[in-house]
Amino acid sequence: MTEEHTRDFAGLSTEAAEELARERGWASVRLLKPGAMTTMEYREGRLNLVVRDGVVERGWEG
């Protein structure tokens, strides 16, 4: 997937984002709070989503 595809998740509720991710074939979805500490390993097929108050702010692959 490209950055363009991950931008589609911004503004969605976590439930809607997880459903869309399944429909698009993402192997896993990691929900993160803004500023959360994360590991830096790249994992193919993983979608990372930053969520504030139940709404996705941004997403990226890996």
C-alpha atoms as a PDB file:
ATOM      1  CA  MET A   1       0.000   0.000   0.000  1.00  0.00           C
ATOM      2  CA  THR A   2       1.028   3.574  -0.431  1.00  0.00           C
ATOM      3  CA  GLU A   3       0.757   6.628   1.784  1.00  0.00           C
ATOM      4  CA  GLU A   4      -2.182   7.680  -0.368  1.00  0.00           C
ATOM      5  CA  HIS A   5      -4.055   4.552   0.732  1.00  0.00           C
ATOM      6  CA  THR A   6      -3.341   5.105   4.413  1.00  0.00           C
ATOM      7  CA  ARG A   7      -4.698   8.676   4.241  1.00  0.00           C
ATOM      8  CA  ASP A   8      -8.132   7.170   3.521  1.00  0.00           C
ATOM      9  CA  PHE A   9      -8.357   6.200   7.204  1.00  0.00           C
ATOM     10  CA  ALA A  10      -8.039   9.711   8.673  1.00  0.00           C
ATOM     11  CA  GLY A  11     -11.323  10.896  10.145  1.00  0.00           C
ATOM     12  CA  LEU A  12     -12.862   7.430  10.462  1.00  0.00           C
ATOM     13  CA  SER A  13     -13.982   5.904  13.739  1.00  0.00           C
ATOM     14  CA  THR A  14     -11.785   3.056  14.964  1.00  0.00           C
ATOM     15  CA  GLU A  15     -14.545   0.566  14.129  1.00  0.00           C
ATOM     16  CA  ALA A  16     -14.936   1.878  10.568  1.00  0.00           C
ATOM     17  CA  ALA A  17     -11.154   1.986  10.091  1.00  0.00           C
ATOM     18  CA  GLU A  18     -10.708  -1.615  11.249  1.00  0.00           C
ATOM     19  CA  GLU A  19     -13.502  -2.770   8.954  1.00  0.00           C
ATOM     20  CA  LEU A  20     -11.990  -0.904   5.978  1.00  0.00           C
ATOM     21  CA  ALA A  21      -8.566  -2.364   6.785  1.00  0.00           C
ATOM     22  CA  ARG A  22     -10.000  -5.914   6.689  1.00  0.00           C
ATOM     23  CA  GLU A  23     -11.752  -5.181   3.392  1.00  0.00           C
ATOM     24  CA  ARG A  24      -8.463  -3.921   1.915  1.00  0.00           C
ATOM     25  CA  GLY A  25      -6.498  -6.959   3.073  1.00  0.00           C
ATOM     26  CA  TRP A  26      -4.343  -5.566   5.874  1.00  0.00           C
ATOM     27  CA  ALA A  27      -2.947  -8.464   7.922  1.00  0.00           C
ATOM     28  CA  SER A  28      -3.018  -6.506  11.187  1.00  0.00           C
ATOM     29  CA  VAL A  29      -4.020  -3.121  12.538  1.00  0.00           C
ATOM     30  CA  ARG A  30      -2.185  -1.422  15.409  1.00  0.00           C
ATOM     31  CA  LEU A  31      -4.124   1.327  17.193  1.00  0.00           C
ATOM     32  CA  LEU A  32      -1.923   3.923  18.875  1.00  0.00           C
ATOM     33  CA  LYS A  33      -2.553   6.915  21.111  1.00  0.00           C
ATOM     34  CA  PRO A  34      -0.996  10.210  19.950  1.00  0.00           C
ATOM     35  CA  GLY A  35       2.645  10.299  21.057  1.00  0.00           C
ATOM     36  CA  ALA A  36       2.686   6.610  22.012  1.00  0.00           C
ATOM     37  CA  MET A  37       6.066   4.882  22.119  1.00  0.00           C
ATOM     38  CA  THR A  38       6.336   2.224  19.407  1.00  0.00           C
ATOM     39  CA  THR A  39       8.907  -0.200  18.163  1.00  0.00           C
ATOM     40  CA  MET A  40      10.528   0.780  14.889  1.00  0.00           C
ATOM     41  CA  GLU A  41      10.623  -2.618  13.190  1.00  0.00           C
ATOM     42  CA  TYR A  42       8.868  -2.709   9.852  1.00  0.00           C
ATOM     43  CA  ARG A  43       6.165  -5.348   9.567  1.00  0.00           C
ATOM     44  CA  GLU A  44       4.747  -5.905   6.090  1.00  0.00           C
ATOM     45  CA  GLY A  45       0.966  -5.943   6.030  1.00  0.00           C
ATOM     46  CA  ARG A  46       0.546  -3.980   9.264  1.00  0.00           C
ATOM     47  CA  LEU A  47      -1.431  -0.761   9.346  1.00  0.00           C
ATOM     48  CA  ASN A  48      -0.601   1.683  12.151  1.00  0.00           C
ATOM     49  CA  LEU A  49      -3.327   4.135  13.107  1.00  0.00           C
ATOM     50  CA  VAL A  50      -3.040   7.032  15.540  1.00  0.00           C
ATOM     51  CA  VAL A  51      -6.395   7.378  17.312  1.00  0.00           C
ATOM     52  CA  ARG A  52      -7.641  10.243  19.483  1.00  0.00           C
ATOM     53  CA  ASP A  53     -11.085  10.071  21.119  1.00  0.00           C
ATOM     54  CA  GLY A  54     -12.102   7.138  18.910  1.00  0.00           C
ATOM     55  CA  VAL A  55     -11.209   8.892  15.627  1.00  0.00           C
ATOM     56  CA  VAL A  56      -8.223   8.105  13.405  1.00  0.00           C
ATOM     57  CA  GLU A  57      -5.851  11.056  12.971  1.00  0.00           C
ATOM     58  CA  ARG A  58      -3.357   9.417  10.605  1.00  0.00           C
ATOM     59  CA  GLY A  59      -2.040   6.089   9.441  1.00  0.00           C
ATOM     60  CA  TRP A  60       1.043   4.459   7.930  1.00  0.00           C
ATOM     61  CA  GLU A  61       2.177   1.058   6.770  1.00  0.00           C
ATOM     62  CA  GLY A  62       4.602  -1.061   8.720  1.00  0.00           C
END
